Amino acid sequence: MSKNHRGKALSKLPSRGRGTCPVCKTKRIKLLYTLLTENGTKLTVCKRCQHKTVSV
């Protein structure tokens, strides 16, 4: 089974998939998961925040 959030797939993303999470404000973390906010916009968040509900 392939692991989509490791290895070669990350090297193709801008900044290798890293940045600052808009939910928990952690810096230099992998932002690989999409999260829908209550108003319908998509955010890219870290693994820890992927199941949180966000009202922006």
PDB file of N, CA and C in Angstrom:
ATOM      1  N   MET A   1       0.837  -1.184   0.000  1.00  0.00           N
ATOM      2  CA  MET A   1       0.000   0.000   0.000  1.00  0.00           C
ATOM      3  C   MET A   1       0.881   1.245   0.000  1.00  0.00           C
ATOM      4  N   SER A   2       0.503   2.209  -0.797  1.00  0.00           N
ATOM      5  CA  SER A   2       1.313   3.425  -0.868  1.00  0.00           C
ATOM      6  C   SER A   2       0.989   4.353   0.297  1.00  0.00           C
ATOM      7  N   LYS A   3       1.959   5.159   0.648  1.00  0.00           N
ATOM      8  CA  LYS A   3       1.782   6.126   1.725  1.00  0.00           C
ATOM      9  C   LYS A   3       1.869   7.506   1.095  1.00  0.00           C
ATOM     10  N   ASN A   4       0.727   8.156   0.922  1.00  0.00           N
ATOM     11  CA  ASN A   4       0.634   9.401   0.168  1.00  0.00           C
ATOM     12  C   ASN A   4       1.267  10.595   0.867  1.00  0.00           C
ATOM     13  N   HIS A   5       1.450  10.534   2.159  1.00  0.00           N
ATOM     14  CA  HIS A   5       1.956  11.684   2.889  1.00  0.00           C
ATOM     15  C   HIS A   5       3.415  11.514   3.307  1.00  0.00           C
ATOM     16  N   ARG A   6       4.171  10.687   2.537  1.00  0.00           N
ATOM     17  CA  ARG A   6       5.600  10.477   2.798  1.00  0.00           C
ATOM     18  C   ARG A   6       6.371  10.448   1.482  1.00  0.00           C
ATOM     19  N   GLY A   7       7.666  10.636   1.559  1.00  0.00           N
ATOM     20  CA  GLY A   7       8.579  10.368   0.455  1.00  0.00           C
ATOM     21  C   GLY A   7       8.446  11.218  -0.789  1.00  0.00           C
ATOM     22  N   LYS A   8       8.381  10.562  -1.958  1.00  0.00           N
ATOM     23  CA  LYS A   8       8.400  11.244  -3.254  1.00  0.00           C
ATOM     24  C   LYS A   8       7.223  12.187  -3.445  1.00  0.00           C
ATOM     25  N   ALA A   9       6.071  11.841  -2.927  1.00  0.00           N
ATOM     26  CA  ALA A   9       4.894  12.696  -3.090  1.00  0.00           C
ATOM     27  C   ALA A   9       5.107  14.058  -2.444  1.00  0.00           C
ATOM     28  N   LEU A  10       5.871  14.117  -1.360  1.00  0.00           N
ATOM     29  CA  LEU A  10       6.140  15.385  -0.690  1.00  0.00           C
ATOM     30  C   LEU A  10       7.108  16.257  -1.474  1.00  0.00           C
ATOM     31  N   SER A  11       8.042  15.651  -2.179  1.00  0.00           N
ATOM     32  CA  SER A  11       9.034  16.448  -2.898  1.00  0.00           C
ATOM     33  C   SER A  11       8.420  17.209  -4.064  1.00  0.00           C
ATOM     34  N   LYS A  12       7.266  16.793  -4.523  1.00  0.00           N
ATOM     35  CA  LYS A  12       6.590  17.472  -5.632  1.00  0.00           C
ATOM     36  C   LYS A  12       5.748  18.650  -5.171  1.00  0.00           C
ATOM     37  N   LEU A  13       5.465  18.758  -3.887  1.00  0.00           N
ATOM     38  CA  LEU A  13       4.655  19.857  -3.357  1.00  0.00           C
ATOM     39  C   LEU A  13       5.518  21.093  -3.133  1.00  0.00           C
ATOM     40  N   PRO A  14       4.902  22.285  -3.196  1.00  0.00           N
ATOM     41  CA  PRO A  14       5.681  23.490  -2.891  1.00  0.00           C
ATOM     42  C   PRO A  14       6.146  23.480  -1.443  1.00  0.00           C
ATOM     43  N   SER A  15       7.382  23.849  -1.211  1.00  0.00           N
ATOM     44  CA  SER A  15       8.039  23.835   0.111  1.00  0.00           C
ATOM     45  C   SER A  15       8.000  22.454   0.743  1.00  0.00           C
ATOM     46  N   ARG A  16       7.949  21.434  -0.107  1.00  0.00           N
ATOM     47  CA  ARG A  16       7.867  20.034   0.340  1.00  0.00           C
ATOM     48  C   ARG A  16       6.710  19.788   1.301  1.00  0.00           C
ATOM     49  N   GLY A  17       5.619  20.527   1.112  1.00  0.00           N
ATOM     50  CA  GLY A  17       4.415  20.326   1.912  1.00  0.00           C
ATOM     51  C   GLY A  17       4.465  20.930   3.295  1.00  0.00           C
ATOM     52  N   ARG A  18       5.443  21.800   3.551  1.00  0.00           N
ATOM     53  CA  ARG A  18       5.595  22.354   4.893  1.00  0.00           C
ATOM     54  C   ARG A  18       5.201  23.817   4.952  1.00  0.00           C
ATOM     55  N   GLY A  19       4.767  24.239   6.137  1.00  0.00           N
ATOM     56  CA  GLY A  19       4.383  25.623   6.349  1.00  0.00           C
ATOM     57  C   GLY A  19       3.877  25.806   7.775  1.00  0.00           C
ATOM     58  N   THR A  20       3.064  26.848   7.990  1.00  0.00           N
ATOM     59  CA  THR A  20       2.477  27.133   9.292  1.00  0.00           C
ATOM     60  C   THR A  20       1.010  26.750   9.260  1.00  0.00           C
ATOM     61  N   CYS A  21       0.586  25.934  10.191  1.00  0.00           N
ATOM     62  CA  CYS A  21      -0.807  25.488  10.248  1.00  0.00           C
ATOM     63  C   CYS A  21      -1.691  26.672  10.649  1.00  0.00           C
ATOM     64  N   PRO A  22      -2.756  26.948   9.893  1.00  0.00           N
ATOM     65  CA  PRO A  22      -3.619  28.083  10.208  1.00  0.00           C
ATOM     66  C   PRO A  22      -4.488  27.854  11.446  1.00  0.00           C
ATOM     67  N   VAL A  23      -4.625  26.620  11.902  1.00  0.00           N
ATOM     68  CA  VAL A  23      -5.483  26.318  13.048  1.00  0.00           C
ATOM     69  C   VAL A  23      -4.699  26.384  14.356  1.00  0.00           C
ATOM     70  N   CYS A  24      -3.603  25.614  14.455  1.00  0.00           N
ATOM     71  CA  CYS A  24      -2.846  25.548  15.713  1.00  0.00           C
ATOM     72  C   CYS A  24      -1.609  26.446  15.713  1.00  0.00           C
ATOM     73  N   LYS A  25      -1.302  27.080  14.590  1.00  0.00           N
ATOM     74  CA  LYS A  25      -0.178  28.020  14.443  1.00  0.00           C
ATOM     75  C   LYS A  25       1.191  27.374  14.640  1.00  0.00           C
ATOM     76  N   THR A  26       1.293  26.063  14.452  1.00  0.00           N
ATOM     77  CA  THR A  26       2.587  25.387  14.537  1.00  0.00           C
ATOM     78  C   THR A  26       3.385  25.685  13.276  1.00  0.00           C
ATOM     79  N   LYS A  27       4.658  26.013  13.427  1.00  0.00           N
ATOM     80  CA  LYS A  27       5.500  26.394  12.298  1.00  0.00           C
ATOM     81  C   LYS A  27       6.281  25.197  11.779  1.00  0.00           C
ATOM     82  N   ARG A  28       6.636  25.236  10.488  1.00  0.00           N
ATOM     83  CA  ARG A  28       7.467  24.224   9.811  1.00  0.00           C
ATOM     84  C   ARG A  28       6.909  22.814   9.961  1.00  0.00           C
ATOM     85  N   ILE A  29       5.586  22.673   9.846  1.00  0.00           N
ATOM     86  CA  ILE A  29       4.942  21.372   9.981  1.00  0.00           C
ATOM     87  C   ILE A  29       4.345  20.992   8.628  1.00  0.00           C
ATOM     88  N   LYS A  30       4.168  19.698   8.384  1.00  0.00           N
ATOM     89  CA  LYS A  30       3.607  19.243   7.116  1.00  0.00           C
ATOM     90  C   LYS A  30       2.121  19.572   7.041  1.00  0.00           C
ATOM     91  N   LEU A  31       1.734  20.285   5.987  1.00  0.00           N
ATOM     92  CA  LEU A  31       0.334  20.654   5.761  1.00  0.00           C
ATOM     93  C   LEU A  31      -0.187  19.807   4.612  1.00  0.00           C
ATOM     94  N   LEU A  32      -0.791  18.682   4.929  1.00  0.00           N
ATOM     95  CA  LEU A  32      -1.149  17.709   3.909  1.00  0.00           C
ATOM     96  C   LEU A  32      -2.626  17.380   3.871  1.00  0.00           C
ATOM     97  N   TYR A  33      -3.406  17.901   4.786  1.00  0.00           N
ATOM     98  CA  TYR A  33      -4.811  17.525   4.889  1.00  0.00           C
ATOM     99  C   TYR A  33      -5.699  18.731   4.617  1.00  0.00           C
ATOM    100  N   THR A  34      -6.783  18.526   3.884  1.00  0.00           N
ATOM    101  CA  THR A  34      -7.717  19.615   3.603  1.00  0.00           C
ATOM    102  C   THR A  34      -8.838  19.586   4.628  1.00  0.00           C
ATOM    103  N   LEU A  35      -9.248  20.769   5.048  1.00  0.00           N
ATOM    104  CA  LEU A  35     -10.288  20.922   6.051  1.00  0.00           C
ATOM    105  C   LEU A  35     -11.283  21.941   5.536  1.00  0.00           C
ATOM    106  N   LEU A  36     -12.560  21.598   5.555  1.00  0.00           N
ATOM    107  CA  LEU A  36     -13.600  22.535   5.160  1.00  0.00           C
ATOM    108  C   LEU A  36     -14.048  23.327   6.373  1.00  0.00           C
ATOM    109  N   THR A  37     -14.074  24.647   6.247  1.00  0.00           N
ATOM    110  CA  THR A  37     -14.558  25.483   7.339  1.00  0.00           C
ATOM    111  C   THR A  37     -16.075  25.555   7.266  1.00  0.00           C
ATOM    112  N   GLU A  38     -16.679  26.184   8.252  1.00  0.00           N
ATOM    113  CA  GLU A  38     -18.138  26.279   8.300  1.00  0.00           C
ATOM    114  C   GLU A  38     -18.705  27.110   7.159  1.00  0.00           C
ATOM    115  N   ASN A  39     -17.914  28.074   6.654  1.00  0.00           N
ATOM    116  CA  ASN A  39     -18.415  28.899   5.557  1.00  0.00           C
ATOM    117  C   ASN A  39     -18.060  28.333   4.190  1.00  0.00           C
ATOM    118  N   GLY A  40     -17.460  27.142   4.132  1.00  0.00           N
ATOM    119  CA  GLY A  40     -17.217  26.456   2.870  1.00  0.00           C
ATOM    120  C   GLY A  40     -15.850  26.619   2.255  1.00  0.00           C
ATOM    121  N   THR A  41     -14.945  27.365   2.873  1.00  0.00           N
ATOM    122  CA  THR A  41     -13.602  27.521   2.313  1.00  0.00           C
ATOM    123  C   THR A  41     -12.730  26.347   2.734  1.00  0.00           C
ATOM    124  N   LYS A  42     -11.736  26.035   1.909  1.00  0.00           N
ATOM    125  CA  LYS A  42     -10.828  24.927   2.180  1.00  0.00           C
ATOM    126  C   LYS A  42      -9.534  25.455   2.774  1.00  0.00           C
ATOM    127  N   LEU A  43      -9.069  24.801   3.833  1.00  0.00           N
ATOM    128  CA  LEU A  43      -7.779  25.104   4.439  1.00  0.00           C
ATOM    129  C   LEU A  43      -6.912  23.863   4.363  1.00  0.00           C
ATOM    130  N   THR A  44      -5.620  24.046   4.238  1.00  0.00           N
ATOM    131  CA  THR A  44      -4.683  22.938   4.305  1.00  0.00           C
ATOM    132  C   THR A  44      -4.075  22.952   5.693  1.00  0.00           C
ATOM    133  N   VAL A  45      -4.277  21.862   6.441  1.00  0.00           N
ATOM    134  CA  VAL A  45      -3.887  21.823   7.846  1.00  0.00           C
ATOM    135  C   VAL A  45      -2.977  20.633   8.132  1.00  0.00           C
ATOM    136  N   CYS A  46      -2.434  20.599   9.344  1.00  0.00           N
ATOM    137  CA  CYS A  46      -1.544  19.520   9.763  1.00  0.00           C
ATOM    138  C   CYS A  46      -2.351  18.301  10.217  1.00  0.00           C
ATOM    139  N   LYS A  47      -1.633  17.228  10.513  1.00  0.00           N
ATOM    140  CA  LYS A  47      -2.261  15.975  10.902  1.00  0.00           C
ATOM    141  C   LYS A  47      -3.054  16.103  12.205  1.00  0.00           C
ATOM    142  N   ARG A  48      -2.543  16.896  13.132  1.00  0.00           N
ATOM    143  CA  ARG A  48      -3.221  17.055  14.418  1.00  0.00           C
ATOM    144  C   ARG A  48      -4.545  17.798  14.298  1.00  0.00           C
ATOM    145  N   CYS A  49      -4.678  18.661  13.293  1.00  0.00           N
ATOM    146  CA  CYS A  49      -5.870  19.503  13.149  1.00  0.00           C
ATOM    147  C   CYS A  49      -6.839  18.989  12.091  1.00  0.00           C
ATOM    148  N   GLN A  50      -6.583  17.838  11.505  1.00  0.00           N
ATOM    149  CA  GLN A  50      -7.400  17.387  10.378  1.00  0.00           C
ATOM    150  C   GLN A  50      -8.837  17.070  10.750  1.00  0.00           C
ATOM    151  N   HIS A  51      -9.141  16.786  12.017  1.00  0.00           N
ATOM    152  CA  HIS A  51     -10.497  16.444  12.410  1.00  0.00           C
ATOM    153  C   HIS A  51     -11.179  17.537  13.232  1.00  0.00           C
ATOM    154  N   LYS A  52     -10.550  18.684  13.359  1.00  0.00           N
ATOM    155  CA  LYS A  52     -11.109  19.777  14.142  1.00  0.00           C
ATOM    156  C   LYS A  52     -12.162  20.524  13.343  1.00  0.00           C
ATOM    157  N   THR A  53     -13.089  21.161  14.028  1.00  0.00           N
ATOM    158  CA  THR A  53     -14.048  22.040  13.368  1.00  0.00           C
ATOM    159  C   THR A  53     -13.567  23.479  13.563  1.00  0.00           C
ATOM    160  N   VAL A  54     -13.561  24.233  12.477  1.00  0.00           N
ATOM    161  CA  VAL A  54     -13.001  25.563  12.487  1.00  0.00           C
ATOM    162  C   VAL A  54     -14.050  26.535  11.980  1.00  0.00           C
ATOM    163  N   SER A  55     -14.235  27.623  12.705  1.00  0.00           N
ATOM    164  CA  SER A  55     -15.108  28.695  12.236  1.00  0.00           C
ATOM    165  C   SER A  55     -14.247  29.916  11.996  1.00  0.00           C
ATOM    166  N   VAL A  56     -13.982  30.193  10.730  1.00  0.00           N
ATOM    167  CA  VAL A  56     -13.094  31.314  10.377  1.00  0.00           C
ATOM    168  C   VAL A  56     -13.926  32.435   9.828  1.00  0.00           C
TER     169      VAL A  56
END
